Amino acid sequence: MNFNIYPATKYGVTALTESFRQDFINEKSGIKITSISPGTVQTEITPDYSAESLKNIPHLMPVDISNAVLYTLGTPPNVNFNLAKCRISGKTSVSTSY
């Protein structure tokens, strides 16, 4: 699978999210919006990100991104994470079940 366009679309979504965030603030809508940009995540979207392919590469698990989403949703009304970049801490990733 060719992902050449992926970085451009990811940046475009981040820029669009920021435009919406500013619009929501100007309209005093009370709506919060967050762009979550994860690093390498083990996923079944392509064989390149399978558990086997990533076994020697530090990576995030889907639950890590889910936890980031839950954290941003749990913030008080006066707090907004407009951009959350989720990266591996440098330690070996382990699969965790919740």
PDB file of N, CA and C in Angstrom:
ATOM      1  N   MET A   1       0.847  -1.176   0.000  1.00  0.00           N
ATOM      2  CA  MET A   1       0.000   0.000   0.000  1.00  0.00           C
ATOM      3  C   MET A   1       0.895   1.242   0.000  1.00  0.00           C
ATOM      4  N   ASN A   2       0.587   2.200  -0.841  1.00  0.00           N
ATOM      5  CA  ASN A   2       1.365   3.420  -0.964  1.00  0.00           C
ATOM      6  C   ASN A   2       0.741   4.530  -0.108  1.00  0.00           C
ATOM      7  N   PHE A   3       1.536   5.070   0.812  1.00  0.00           N
ATOM      8  CA  PHE A   3       1.048   6.115   1.714  1.00  0.00           C
ATOM      9  C   PHE A   3       1.659   7.479   1.413  1.00  0.00           C
ATOM     10  N   ASN A   4       2.071   7.734   0.175  1.00  0.00           N
ATOM     11  CA  ASN A   4       2.721   8.998  -0.161  1.00  0.00           C
ATOM     12  C   ASN A   4       1.869  10.222   0.161  1.00  0.00           C
ATOM     13  N   ILE A   5       0.582  10.136   0.015  1.00  0.00           N
ATOM     14  CA  ILE A   5      -0.304  11.271   0.242  1.00  0.00           C
ATOM     15  C   ILE A   5      -0.655  11.445   1.721  1.00  0.00           C
ATOM     16  N   TYR A   6      -0.379  10.431   2.530  1.00  0.00           N
ATOM     17  CA  TYR A   6      -0.773  10.441   3.945  1.00  0.00           C
ATOM     18  C   TYR A   6      -0.272  11.655   4.725  1.00  0.00           C
ATOM     19  N   PRO A   7       1.018  12.023   4.654  1.00  0.00           N
ATOM     20  CA  PRO A   7       1.472  13.184   5.439  1.00  0.00           C
ATOM     21  C   PRO A   7       0.737  14.477   5.071  1.00  0.00           C
ATOM     22  N   ALA A   8       0.479  14.680   3.801  1.00  0.00           N
ATOM     23  CA  ALA A   8      -0.214  15.903   3.379  1.00  0.00           C
ATOM     24  C   ALA A   8      -1.652  15.931   3.888  1.00  0.00           C
ATOM     25  N   THR A   9      -2.337  14.789   3.820  1.00  0.00           N
ATOM     26  CA  THR A   9      -3.717  14.764   4.301  1.00  0.00           C
ATOM     27  C   THR A   9      -3.778  14.899   5.822  1.00  0.00           C
ATOM     28  N   LYS A  10      -2.783  14.323   6.507  1.00  0.00           N
ATOM     29  CA  LYS A  10      -2.734  14.441   7.969  1.00  0.00           C
ATOM     30  C   LYS A  10      -2.551  15.909   8.371  1.00  0.00           C
ATOM     31  N   TYR A  11      -1.651  16.599   7.683  1.00  0.00           N
ATOM     32  CA  TYR A  11      -1.455  18.021   7.964  1.00  0.00           C
ATOM     33  C   TYR A  11      -2.715  18.815   7.618  1.00  0.00           C
ATOM     34  N   GLY A  12      -3.360  18.469   6.513  1.00  0.00           N
ATOM     35  CA  GLY A  12      -4.584  19.165   6.119  1.00  0.00           C
ATOM     36  C   GLY A  12      -5.681  19.028   7.165  1.00  0.00           C
ATOM     37  N   VAL A  13      -5.837  17.840   7.713  1.00  0.00           N
ATOM     38  CA  VAL A  13      -6.842  17.620   8.764  1.00  0.00           C
ATOM     39  C   VAL A  13      -6.486  18.425  10.015  1.00  0.00           C
ATOM     40  N   THR A  14      -5.196  18.483  10.352  1.00  0.00           N
ATOM     41  CA  THR A  14      -4.755  19.264  11.511  1.00  0.00           C
ATOM     42  C   THR A  14      -5.054  20.746  11.302  1.00  0.00           C
ATOM     43  N   ALA A  15      -4.768  21.259  10.111  1.00  0.00           N
ATOM     44  CA  ALA A  15      -5.042  22.669   9.806  1.00  0.00           C
ATOM     45  C   ALA A  15      -6.543  22.954   9.817  1.00  0.00           C
ATOM     46  N   LEU A  16      -7.337  22.060   9.258  1.00  0.00           N
ATOM     47  CA  LEU A  16      -8.793  22.226   9.254  1.00  0.00           C
ATOM     48  C   LEU A  16      -9.342  22.222  10.678  1.00  0.00           C
ATOM     49  N   THR A  17      -8.809  21.328  11.515  1.00  0.00           N
ATOM     50  CA  THR A  17      -9.227  21.264  12.913  1.00  0.00           C
ATOM     51  C   THR A  17      -8.939  22.581  13.618  1.00  0.00           C
ATOM     52  N   GLU A  18      -7.765  23.171  13.374  1.00  0.00           N
ATOM     53  CA  GLU A  18      -7.427  24.451  13.987  1.00  0.00           C
ATOM     54  C   GLU A  18      -8.357  25.559  13.499  1.00  0.00           C
ATOM     55  N   SER A  19      -8.724  25.554  12.236  1.00  0.00           N
ATOM     56  CA  SER A  19      -9.673  26.553  11.714  1.00  0.00           C
ATOM     57  C   SER A  19     -11.026  26.429  12.412  1.00  0.00           C
ATOM     58  N   PHE A  20     -11.510  25.202  12.558  1.00  0.00           N
ATOM     59  CA  PHE A  20     -12.770  24.983  13.269  1.00  0.00           C
ATOM     60  C   PHE A  20     -12.664  25.435  14.726  1.00  0.00           C
ATOM     61  N   ARG A  21     -11.540  25.132  15.380  1.00  0.00           N
ATOM     62  CA  ARG A  21     -11.358  25.532  16.778  1.00  0.00           C
ATOM     63  C   ARG A  21     -11.486  27.038  16.927  1.00  0.00           C
ATOM     64  N   GLN A  22     -10.844  27.788  16.018  1.00  0.00           N
ATOM     65  CA  GLN A  22     -10.926  29.243  16.079  1.00  0.00           C
ATOM     66  C   GLN A  22     -12.341  29.737  15.807  1.00  0.00           C
ATOM     67  N   ASP A  23     -13.033  29.114  14.862  1.00  0.00           N
ATOM     68  CA  ASP A  23     -14.432  29.476  14.585  1.00  0.00           C
ATOM     69  C   ASP A  23     -15.304  29.229  15.817  1.00  0.00           C
ATOM     70  N   PHE A  24     -15.128  28.096  16.473  1.00  0.00           N
ATOM     71  CA  PHE A  24     -15.922  27.763  17.653  1.00  0.00           C
ATOM     72  C   PHE A  24     -15.679  28.768  18.774  1.00  0.00           C
ATOM     73  N   ILE A  25     -14.432  29.202  18.927  1.00  0.00           N
ATOM     74  CA  ILE A  25     -14.112  30.210  19.949  1.00  0.00           C
ATOM     75  C   ILE A  25     -14.785  31.531  19.603  1.00  0.00           C
ATOM     76  N   ASN A  26     -14.661  31.957  18.354  1.00  0.00           N
ATOM     77  CA  ASN A  26     -15.262  33.229  17.932  1.00  0.00           C
ATOM     78  C   ASN A  26     -16.775  33.234  18.084  1.00  0.00           C
ATOM     79  N   GLU A  27     -17.400  32.096  17.860  1.00  0.00           N
ATOM     80  CA  GLU A  27     -18.856  31.978  17.993  1.00  0.00           C
ATOM     81  C   GLU A  27     -19.303  31.731  19.429  1.00  0.00           C
ATOM     82  N   LYS A  28     -18.321  31.561  20.339  1.00  0.00           N
ATOM     83  CA  LYS A  28     -18.619  31.265  21.743  1.00  0.00           C
ATOM     84  C   LYS A  28     -19.567  30.075  21.861  1.00  0.00           C
ATOM     85  N   SER A  29     -19.287  29.050  21.066  1.00  0.00           N
ATOM     86  CA  SER A  29     -20.167  27.883  20.992  1.00  0.00           C
ATOM     87  C   SER A  29     -19.976  26.912  22.151  1.00  0.00           C
ATOM     88  N   GLY A  30     -18.807  26.966  22.792  1.00  0.00           N
ATOM     89  CA  GLY A  30     -18.531  26.011  23.856  1.00  0.00           C
ATOM     90  C   GLY A  30     -18.092  24.651  23.332  1.00  0.00           C
ATOM     91  N   ILE A  31     -17.974  24.525  22.015  1.00  0.00           N
ATOM     92  CA  ILE A  31     -17.551  23.260  21.412  1.00  0.00           C
ATOM     93  C   ILE A  31     -16.030  23.188  21.449  1.00  0.00           C
ATOM     94  N   LYS A  32     -15.514  22.044  21.886  1.00  0.00           N
ATOM     95  CA  LYS A  32     -14.078  21.804  21.893  1.00  0.00           C
ATOM     96  C   LYS A  32     -13.744  20.832  20.769  1.00  0.00           C
ATOM     97  N   ILE A  33     -12.574  20.998  20.181  1.00  0.00           N
ATOM     98  CA  ILE A  33     -12.150  20.119  19.091  1.00  0.00           C
ATOM     99  C   ILE A  33     -10.666  19.803  19.275  1.00  0.00           C
ATOM    100  N   THR A  34     -10.290  18.568  19.019  1.00  0.00           N
ATOM    101  CA  THR A  34      -8.912  18.125  19.203  1.00  0.00           C
ATOM    102  C   THR A  34      -8.467  17.310  17.999  1.00  0.00           C
ATOM    103  N   SER A  35      -7.243  17.545  17.562  1.00  0.00           N
ATOM    104  CA  SER A  35      -6.619  16.731  16.530  1.00  0.00           C
ATOM    105  C   SER A  35      -5.595  15.834  17.213  1.00  0.00           C
ATOM    106  N   ILE A  36      -5.799  14.538  17.138  1.00  0.00           N
ATOM    107  CA  ILE A  36      -4.866  13.591  17.748  1.00  0.00           C
ATOM    108  C   ILE A  36      -4.026  12.978  16.638  1.00  0.00           C
ATOM    109  N   SER A  37      -2.713  13.179  16.740  1.00  0.00           N
ATOM    110  CA  SER A  37      -1.778  12.710  15.722  1.00  0.00           C
ATOM    111  C   SER A  37      -0.833  11.678  16.326  1.00  0.00           C
ATOM    112  N   PRO A  38      -1.158  10.407  16.159  1.00  0.00           N
ATOM    113  CA  PRO A  38      -0.292   9.371  16.736  1.00  0.00           C
ATOM    114  C   PRO A  38       0.923   9.087  15.852  1.00  0.00           C
ATOM    115  N   GLY A  39       1.951   8.554  16.482  1.00  0.00           N
ATOM    116  CA  GLY A  39       3.104   8.041  15.744  1.00  0.00           C
ATOM    117  C   GLY A  39       2.763   6.656  15.228  1.00  0.00           C
ATOM    118  N   THR A  40       3.724   5.787  15.168  1.00  0.00           N
ATOM    119  CA  THR A  40       3.504   4.431  14.669  1.00  0.00           C
ATOM    120  C   THR A  40       2.624   3.645  15.635  1.00  0.00           C
ATOM    121  N   VAL A  41       1.537   3.107  15.109  1.00  0.00           N
ATOM    122  CA  VAL A  41       0.575   2.339  15.909  1.00  0.00           C
ATOM    123  C   VAL A  41       0.392   0.973  15.258  1.00  0.00           C
ATOM    124  N   GLN A  42       0.451  -0.053  16.078  1.00  0.00           N
ATOM    125  CA  GLN A  42       0.174  -1.399  15.565  1.00  0.00           C
ATOM    126  C   GLN A  42      -1.288  -1.462  15.166  1.00  0.00           C
ATOM    127  N   THR A  43      -1.531  -1.786  13.921  1.00  0.00           N
ATOM    128  CA  THR A  43      -2.901  -1.813  13.413  1.00  0.00           C
ATOM    129  C   THR A  43      -2.998  -2.815  12.269  1.00  0.00           C
ATOM    130  N   GLU A  44      -4.181  -3.160  11.900  1.00  0.00           N
ATOM    131  CA  GLU A  44      -4.400  -4.089  10.792  1.00  0.00           C
ATOM    132  C   GLU A  44      -4.684  -3.353   9.483  1.00  0.00           C
ATOM    133  N   ILE A  45      -4.465  -2.032   9.453  1.00  0.00           N
ATOM    134  CA  ILE A  45      -4.764  -1.252   8.251  1.00  0.00           C
ATOM    135  C   ILE A  45      -3.894  -1.687   7.069  1.00  0.00           C
ATOM    136  N   THR A  46      -2.687  -2.127   7.378  1.00  0.00           N
ATOM    137  CA  THR A  46      -1.760  -2.606   6.351  1.00  0.00           C
ATOM    138  C   THR A  46      -0.783  -3.592   6.995  1.00  0.00           C
ATOM    139  N   PRO A  47      -0.273  -4.539   6.238  1.00  0.00           N
ATOM    140  CA  PRO A  47       0.697  -5.491   6.802  1.00  0.00           C
ATOM    141  C   PRO A  47       1.941  -4.808   7.382  1.00  0.00           C
ATOM    142  N   ASP A  48       2.278  -3.609   6.893  1.00  0.00           N
ATOM    143  CA  ASP A  48       3.452  -2.887   7.390  1.00  0.00           C
ATOM    144  C   ASP A  48       3.329  -2.511   8.868  1.00  0.00           C
ATOM    145  N   TYR A  49       2.117  -2.476   9.403  1.00  0.00           N
ATOM    146  CA  TYR A  49       1.899  -2.093  10.801  1.00  0.00           C
ATOM    147  C   TYR A  49       1.372  -3.247  11.651  1.00  0.00           C
ATOM    148  N   SER A  50       1.571  -4.464  11.180  1.00  0.00           N
ATOM    149  CA  SER A  50       1.130  -5.645  11.928  1.00  0.00           C
ATOM    150  C   SER A  50       2.068  -5.909  13.095  1.00  0.00           C
ATOM    151  N   ALA A  51       1.627  -6.730  14.028  1.00  0.00           N
ATOM    152  CA  ALA A  51       2.452  -7.088  15.188  1.00  0.00           C
ATOM    153  C   ALA A  51       3.773  -7.702  14.734  1.00  0.00           C
ATOM    154  N   GLU A  52       3.719  -8.541  13.727  1.00  0.00           N
ATOM    155  CA  GLU A  52       4.936  -9.191  13.219  1.00  0.00           C
ATOM    156  C   GLU A  52       5.897  -8.165  12.623  1.00  0.00           C
ATOM    157  N   SER A  53       5.386  -7.242  11.832  1.00  0.00           N
ATOM    158  CA  SER A  53       6.246  -6.245  11.190  1.00  0.00           C
ATOM    159  C   SER A  53       6.869  -5.274  12.182  1.00  0.00           C
ATOM    160  N   LEU A  54       6.182  -5.016  13.270  1.00  0.00           N
ATOM    161  CA  LEU A  54       6.652  -4.028  14.249  1.00  0.00           C
ATOM    162  C   LEU A  54       7.325  -4.647  15.470  1.00  0.00           C
ATOM    163  N   LYS A  55       7.579  -5.953  15.452  1.00  0.00           N
ATOM    164  CA  LYS A  55       8.063  -6.620  16.663  1.00  0.00           C
ATOM    165  C   LYS A  55       9.381  -6.049  17.184  1.00  0.00           C
ATOM    166  N   ASN A  56      10.216  -5.477  16.345  1.00  0.00           N
ATOM    167  CA  ASN A  56      11.488  -4.906  16.790  1.00  0.00           C
ATOM    168  C   ASN A  56      11.510  -3.376  16.711  1.00  0.00           C
ATOM    169  N   ILE A  57      10.353  -2.781  16.500  1.00  0.00           N
ATOM    170  CA  ILE A  57      10.246  -1.323  16.370  1.00  0.00           C
ATOM    171  C   ILE A  57       9.364  -0.794  17.496  1.00  0.00           C
ATOM    172  N   PRO A  58       9.865   0.188  18.261  1.00  0.00           N
ATOM    173  CA  PRO A  58       8.990   0.771  19.301  1.00  0.00           C
ATOM    174  C   PRO A  58       7.746   1.374  18.649  1.00  0.00           C
ATOM    175  N   HIS A  59       6.587   1.077  19.225  1.00  0.00           N
ATOM    176  CA  HIS A  59       5.341   1.552  18.636  1.00  0.00           C
ATOM    177  C   HIS A  59       4.259   1.643  19.710  1.00  0.00           C
ATOM    178  N   LEU A  60       3.204   2.335  19.351  1.00  0.00           N
ATOM    179  CA  LEU A  60       2.042   2.457  20.218  1.00  0.00           C
ATOM    180  C   LEU A  60       1.044   1.352  19.890  1.00  0.00           C
ATOM    181  N   MET A  61       0.160   1.113  20.834  1.00  0.00           N
ATOM    182  CA  MET A  61      -0.936   0.170  20.630  1.00  0.00           C
ATOM    183  C   MET A  61      -2.230   0.978  20.482  1.00  0.00           C
ATOM    184  N   PRO A  62      -3.248   0.415  19.841  1.00  0.00           N
ATOM    185  CA  PRO A  62      -4.511   1.141  19.703  1.00  0.00           C
ATOM    186  C   PRO A  62      -5.072   1.630  21.042  1.00  0.00           C
ATOM    187  N   VAL A  63      -4.886   0.867  22.108  1.00  0.00           N
ATOM    188  CA  VAL A  63      -5.393   1.278  23.416  1.00  0.00           C
ATOM    189  C   VAL A  63      -4.723   2.576  23.883  1.00  0.00           C
ATOM    190  N   ASP A  64      -3.467   2.808  23.479  1.00  0.00           N
ATOM    191  CA  ASP A  64      -2.784   4.048  23.841  1.00  0.00           C
ATOM    192  C   ASP A  64      -3.507   5.256  23.244  1.00  0.00           C
ATOM    193  N   ILE A  65      -3.946   5.120  22.008  1.00  0.00           N
ATOM    194  CA  ILE A  65      -4.656   6.217  21.346  1.00  0.00           C
ATOM    195  C   ILE A  65      -6.052   6.372  21.950  1.00  0.00           C
ATOM    196  N   SER A  66      -6.695   5.249  22.256  1.00  0.00           N
ATOM    197  CA  SER A  66      -8.007   5.304  22.920  1.00  0.00           C
ATOM    198  C   SER A  66      -7.910   6.048  24.249  1.00  0.00           C
ATOM    199  N   ASN A  67      -6.857   5.778  24.998  1.00  0.00           N
ATOM    200  CA  ASN A  67      -6.662   6.464  26.276  1.00  0.00           C
ATOM    201  C   ASN A  67      -6.449   7.964  26.079  1.00  0.00           C
ATOM    202  N   ALA A  68      -5.740   8.342  25.017  1.00  0.00           N
ATOM    203  CA  ALA A  68      -5.544   9.768  24.722  1.00  0.00           C
ATOM    204  C   ALA A  68      -6.875  10.437  24.399  1.00  0.00           C
ATOM    205  N   VAL A  69      -7.718   9.761  23.636  1.00  0.00           N
ATOM    206  CA  VAL A  69      -9.047  10.290  23.306  1.00  0.00           C
ATOM    207  C   VAL A  69      -9.878  10.452  24.577  1.00  0.00           C
ATOM    208  N   LEU A  70      -9.893   9.425  25.418  1.00  0.00           N
ATOM    209  CA  LEU A  70     -10.660   9.498  26.669  1.00  0.00           C
ATOM    210  C   LEU A  70     -10.146  10.623  27.568  1.00  0.00           C
ATOM    211  N   TYR A  71      -8.841  10.816  27.601  1.00  0.00           N
ATOM    212  CA  TYR A  71      -8.269  11.889  28.416  1.00  0.00           C
ATOM    213  C   TYR A  71      -8.758  13.255  27.930  1.00  0.00           C
ATOM    214  N   THR A  72      -8.700  13.486  26.616  1.00  0.00           N
ATOM    215  CA  THR A  72      -9.134  14.789  26.101  1.00  0.00           C
ATOM    216  C   THR A  72     -10.632  14.996  26.328  1.00  0.00           C
ATOM    217  N   LEU A  73     -11.424  13.928  26.210  1.00  0.00           N
ATOM    218  CA  LEU A  73     -12.867  14.056  26.452  1.00  0.00           C
ATOM    219  C   LEU A  73     -13.177  14.334  27.918  1.00  0.00           C
ATOM    220  N   GLY A  74     -12.275  13.918  28.811  1.00  0.00           N
ATOM    221  CA  GLY A  74     -12.506  14.088  30.239  1.00  0.00           C
ATOM    222  C   GLY A  74     -12.036  15.419  30.801  1.00  0.00           C
ATOM    223  N   THR A  75     -11.497  16.289  29.956  1.00  0.00           N
ATOM    224  CA  THR A  75     -11.026  17.578  30.471  1.00  0.00           C
ATOM    225  C   THR A  75     -12.203  18.495  30.803  1.00  0.00           C
ATOM    226  N   PRO A  76     -12.002  19.407  31.766  1.00  0.00           N
ATOM    227  CA  PRO A  76     -13.076  20.337  32.123  1.00  0.00           C
ATOM    228  C   PRO A  76     -13.435  21.254  30.955  1.00  0.00           C
ATOM    229  N   PRO A  77     -14.597  21.879  31.006  1.00  0.00           N
ATOM    230  CA  PRO A  77     -15.052  22.739  29.905  1.00  0.00           C
ATOM    231  C   PRO A  77     -14.080  23.872  29.542  1.00  0.00           C
ATOM    232  N   ASN A  78     -13.281  24.319  30.495  1.00  0.00           N
ATOM    233  CA  ASN A  78     -12.376  25.440  30.220  1.00  0.00           C
ATOM    234  C   ASN A  78     -11.011  24.988  29.680  1.00  0.00           C
ATOM    235  N   VAL A  79     -10.831  23.686  29.458  1.00  0.00           N
ATOM    236  CA  VAL A  79      -9.563  23.153  28.953  1.00  0.00           C
ATOM    237  C   VAL A  79      -9.805  22.495  27.602  1.00  0.00           C
ATOM    238  N   ASN A  80      -8.941  22.840  26.629  1.00  0.00           N
ATOM    239  CA  ASN A  80      -9.040  22.223  25.306  1.00  0.00           C
ATOM    240  C   ASN A  80      -7.646  21.860  24.818  1.00  0.00           C
ATOM    241  N   PHE A  81      -7.438  20.584  24.518  1.00  0.00           N
ATOM    242  CA  PHE A  81      -6.213  20.162  23.862  1.00  0.00           C
ATOM    243  C   PHE A  81      -6.473  20.293  22.369  1.00  0.00           C
ATOM    244  N   ASN A  82      -5.911  21.320  21.738  1.00  0.00           N
ATOM    245  CA  ASN A  82      -6.188  21.494  20.320  1.00  0.00           C
ATOM    246  C   ASN A  82      -5.366  20.552  19.446  1.00  0.00           C
ATOM    247  N   LEU A  83      -4.186  20.119  19.944  1.00  0.00           N
ATOM    248  CA  LEU A  83      -3.378  19.174  19.195  1.00  0.00           C
ATOM    249  C   LEU A  83      -2.684  18.240  20.168  1.00  0.00           C
ATOM    250  N   ALA A  84      -2.906  16.960  19.994  1.00  0.00           N
ATOM    251  CA  ALA A  84      -2.250  15.964  20.841  1.00  0.00           C
ATOM    252  C   ALA A  84      -1.394  15.078  19.944  1.00  0.00           C
ATOM    253  N   LYS A  85      -0.081  15.166  20.123  1.00  0.00           N
ATOM    254  CA  LYS A  85       0.834  14.295  19.381  1.00  0.00           C
ATOM    255  C   LYS A  85       1.222  13.153  20.305  1.00  0.00           C
ATOM    256  N   CYS A  86       0.845  11.958  19.939  1.00  0.00           N
ATOM    257  CA  CYS A  86       1.129  10.768  20.746  1.00  0.00           C
ATOM    258  C   CYS A  86       2.306  10.035  20.144  1.00  0.00           C
ATOM    259  N   ARG A  87       3.387   9.938  20.918  1.00  0.00           N
ATOM    260  CA  ARG A  87       4.591   9.262  20.459  1.00  0.00           C
ATOM    261  C   ARG A  87       5.026   8.246  21.509  1.00  0.00           C
ATOM    262  N   ILE A  88       5.785   7.281  21.091  1.00  0.00           N
ATOM    263  CA  ILE A  88       6.312   6.271  22.004  1.00  0.00           C
ATOM    264  C   ILE A  88       7.358   6.935  22.900  1.00  0.00           C
ATOM    265  N   SER A  89       7.418   6.516  24.150  1.00  0.00           N
ATOM    266  CA  SER A  89       8.334   7.131  25.102  1.00  0.00           C
ATOM    267  C   SER A  89       9.767   6.643  24.950  1.00  0.00           C
ATOM    268  N   GLY A  90       9.997   5.675  24.099  1.00  0.00           N
ATOM    269  CA  GLY A  90      11.332   5.133  23.911  1.00  0.00           C
ATOM    270  C   GLY A  90      11.490   3.771  24.549  1.00  0.00           C
ATOM    271  N   LYS A  91      10.522   3.383  25.359  1.00  0.00           N
ATOM    272  CA  LYS A  91      10.549   2.059  25.972  1.00  0.00           C
ATOM    273  C   LYS A  91       9.893   1.073  25.022  1.00  0.00           C
ATOM    274  N   THR A  92      10.153  -0.187  25.214  1.00  0.00           N
ATOM    275  CA  THR A  92       9.537  -1.214  24.388  1.00  0.00           C
ATOM    276  C   THR A  92       8.041  -1.258  24.655  1.00  0.00           C
ATOM    277  N   SER A  93       7.257  -1.273  23.596  1.00  0.00           N
ATOM    278  CA  SER A  93       5.807  -1.290  23.719  1.00  0.00           C
ATOM    279  C   SER A  93       5.324  -2.701  24.054  1.00  0.00           C
ATOM    280  N   VAL A  94       4.375  -2.773  24.947  1.00  0.00           N
ATOM    281  CA  VAL A  94       3.770  -4.057  25.273  1.00  0.00           C
ATOM    282  C   VAL A  94       2.269  -3.937  25.086  1.00  0.00           C
ATOM    283  N   SER A  95       1.664  -5.008  24.656  1.00  0.00           N
ATOM    284  CA  SER A  95       0.223  -5.028  24.476  1.00  0.00           C
ATOM    285  C   SER A  95      -0.457  -5.066  25.839  1.00  0.00           C
ATOM    286  N   THR A  96      -1.435  -4.196  26.020  1.00  0.00           N
ATOM    287  CA  THR A  96      -2.162  -4.123  27.277  1.00  0.00           C
ATOM    288  C   THR A  96      -3.648  -4.291  27.018  1.00  0.00           C
ATOM    289  N   SER A  97      -4.311  -5.052  27.823  1.00  0.00           N
ATOM    290  CA  SER A  97      -5.764  -5.217  27.707  1.00  0.00           C
ATOM    291  C   SER A  97      -6.442  -4.501  28.858  1.00  0.00           C
ATOM    292  N   TYR A  98      -7.500  -3.819  28.552  1.00  0.00           N
ATOM    293  CA  TYR A  98      -8.294  -3.121  29.580  1.00  0.00           C
ATOM    294  C   TYR A  98      -9.697  -3.673  29.591  1.00  0.00           C
TER     295      TYR A  98
END
